[in-house]
Amino acid sequence: MTLNIWLDTALQEMKSLEKILRTGYVLNITGYPVSTIVNSARNNGPDCIKPEGSNPVYA
């Protein structure tokens, strides 16, 4: 059920999405800092998801 909420592009309710992000519930996600290249929509490559360190932001 949570995965369906996460993938629902029509969902605009931030509370549901924030809860998923804060708990890392979806697929046991772990957050890592990434490069500032993700700040531009022009960039769409593997460098966008390359971790900038070994310490997770949340796990």
C-alpha atoms as a PDB file:
ATOM      1  CA  MET A   1       0.000   0.000   0.000  1.00  0.00           C
ATOM      2  CA  THR A   2       2.751   2.472   0.899  1.00  0.00           C
ATOM      3  CA  LEU A   3       4.550   1.799  -2.366  1.00  0.00           C
ATOM      4  CA  ASN A   4       1.380   2.695  -4.273  1.00  0.00           C
ATOM      5  CA  ILE A   5       1.167   5.991  -2.382  1.00  0.00           C
ATOM      6  CA  TRP A   6       4.828   6.747  -3.133  1.00  0.00           C
ATOM      7  CA  LEU A   7       4.389   6.057  -6.861  1.00  0.00           C
ATOM      8  CA  ASP A   8       1.087   7.941  -7.228  1.00  0.00           C
ATOM      9  CA  THR A   9       2.008  10.989  -9.321  1.00  0.00           C
ATOM     10  CA  ALA A  10      -1.387  12.580  -8.658  1.00  0.00           C
ATOM     11  CA  LEU A  11      -0.879  12.627  -4.879  1.00  0.00           C
ATOM     12  CA  GLN A  12      -0.370  16.163  -3.621  1.00  0.00           C
ATOM     13  CA  GLU A  13      -0.772  15.535   0.116  1.00  0.00           C
ATOM     14  CA  MET A  14       2.645  16.257   1.582  1.00  0.00           C
ATOM     15  CA  LYS A  15       1.921  14.662   4.966  1.00  0.00           C
ATOM     16  CA  SER A  16       1.672  11.193   3.417  1.00  0.00           C
ATOM     17  CA  LEU A  17       4.873  11.655   1.450  1.00  0.00           C
ATOM     18  CA  GLU A  18       6.777  13.169   4.380  1.00  0.00           C
ATOM     19  CA  LYS A  19       5.819  10.234   6.573  1.00  0.00           C
ATOM     20  CA  ILE A  20       7.194   7.809   4.001  1.00  0.00           C
ATOM     21  CA  LEU A  21      10.427   9.793   3.633  1.00  0.00           C
ATOM     22  CA  ARG A  22      10.969  10.220   7.359  1.00  0.00           C
ATOM     23  CA  THR A  23      10.423   6.557   8.163  1.00  0.00           C
ATOM     24  CA  GLY A  24      12.218   5.151   5.105  1.00  0.00           C
ATOM     25  CA  TYR A  25       9.356   2.685   4.869  1.00  0.00           C
ATOM     26  CA  VAL A  26       9.294   2.301   1.098  1.00  0.00           C
ATOM     27  CA  LEU A  27      11.664  -0.495   0.151  1.00  0.00           C
ATOM     28  CA  ASN A  28      13.827   0.309   3.187  1.00  0.00           C
ATOM     29  CA  ILE A  29      15.254   3.368   1.454  1.00  0.00           C
ATOM     30  CA  THR A  30      18.330   5.119   2.757  1.00  0.00           C
ATOM     31  CA  GLY A  31      19.079   8.760   2.016  1.00  0.00           C
ATOM     32  CA  TYR A  32      22.552  10.029   1.145  1.00  0.00           C
ATOM     33  CA  PRO A  33      23.758  13.522   0.296  1.00  0.00           C
ATOM     34  CA  VAL A  34      24.160  14.016  -3.453  1.00  0.00           C
ATOM     35  CA  SER A  35      25.868  16.588  -5.651  1.00  0.00           C
ATOM     36  CA  THR A  36      24.269  19.945  -6.384  1.00  0.00           C
ATOM     37  CA  ILE A  37      23.934  18.836 -10.025  1.00  0.00           C
ATOM     38  CA  VAL A  38      20.517  17.489  -9.007  1.00  0.00           C
ATOM     39  CA  ASN A  39      19.363  21.106  -8.702  1.00  0.00           C
ATOM     40  CA  SER A  40      19.048  21.456 -12.470  1.00  0.00           C
ATOM     41  CA  ALA A  41      16.421  19.654 -14.532  1.00  0.00           C
ATOM     42  CA  ARG A  42      18.948  19.573 -17.402  1.00  0.00           C
ATOM     43  CA  ASN A  43      20.979  16.962 -15.564  1.00  0.00           C
ATOM     44  CA  ASN A  44      19.656  13.437 -15.912  1.00  0.00           C
ATOM     45  CA  GLY A  45      22.418  10.925 -15.492  1.00  0.00           C
ATOM     46  CA  PRO A  46      23.994   8.528 -13.029  1.00  0.00           C
ATOM     47  CA  ASP A  47      25.894  11.342 -11.311  1.00  0.00           C
ATOM     48  CA  CYS A  48      22.546  12.612  -9.991  1.00  0.00           C
ATOM     49  CA  ILE A  49      22.217   9.610  -7.685  1.00  0.00           C
ATOM     50  CA  LYS A  50      25.876   9.091  -6.837  1.00  0.00           C
ATOM     51  CA  PRO A  51      26.326   9.455  -3.038  1.00  0.00           C
ATOM     52  CA  GLU A  52      28.594  12.324  -1.980  1.00  0.00           C
ATOM     53  CA  GLY A  53      29.663  10.558   1.186  1.00  0.00           C
ATOM     54  CA  SER A  54      29.334   7.360   3.130  1.00  0.00           C
ATOM     55  CA  ASN A  55      27.147   8.661   5.952  1.00  0.00           C
ATOM     56  CA  PRO A  56      23.413   8.260   5.323  1.00  0.00           C
ATOM     57  CA  VAL A  57      21.122  11.162   6.109  1.00  0.00           C
ATOM     58  CA  TYR A  58      18.485   8.658   7.238  1.00  0.00           C
ATOM     59  CA  ALA A  59      18.246   4.915   7.109  1.00  0.00           C
END
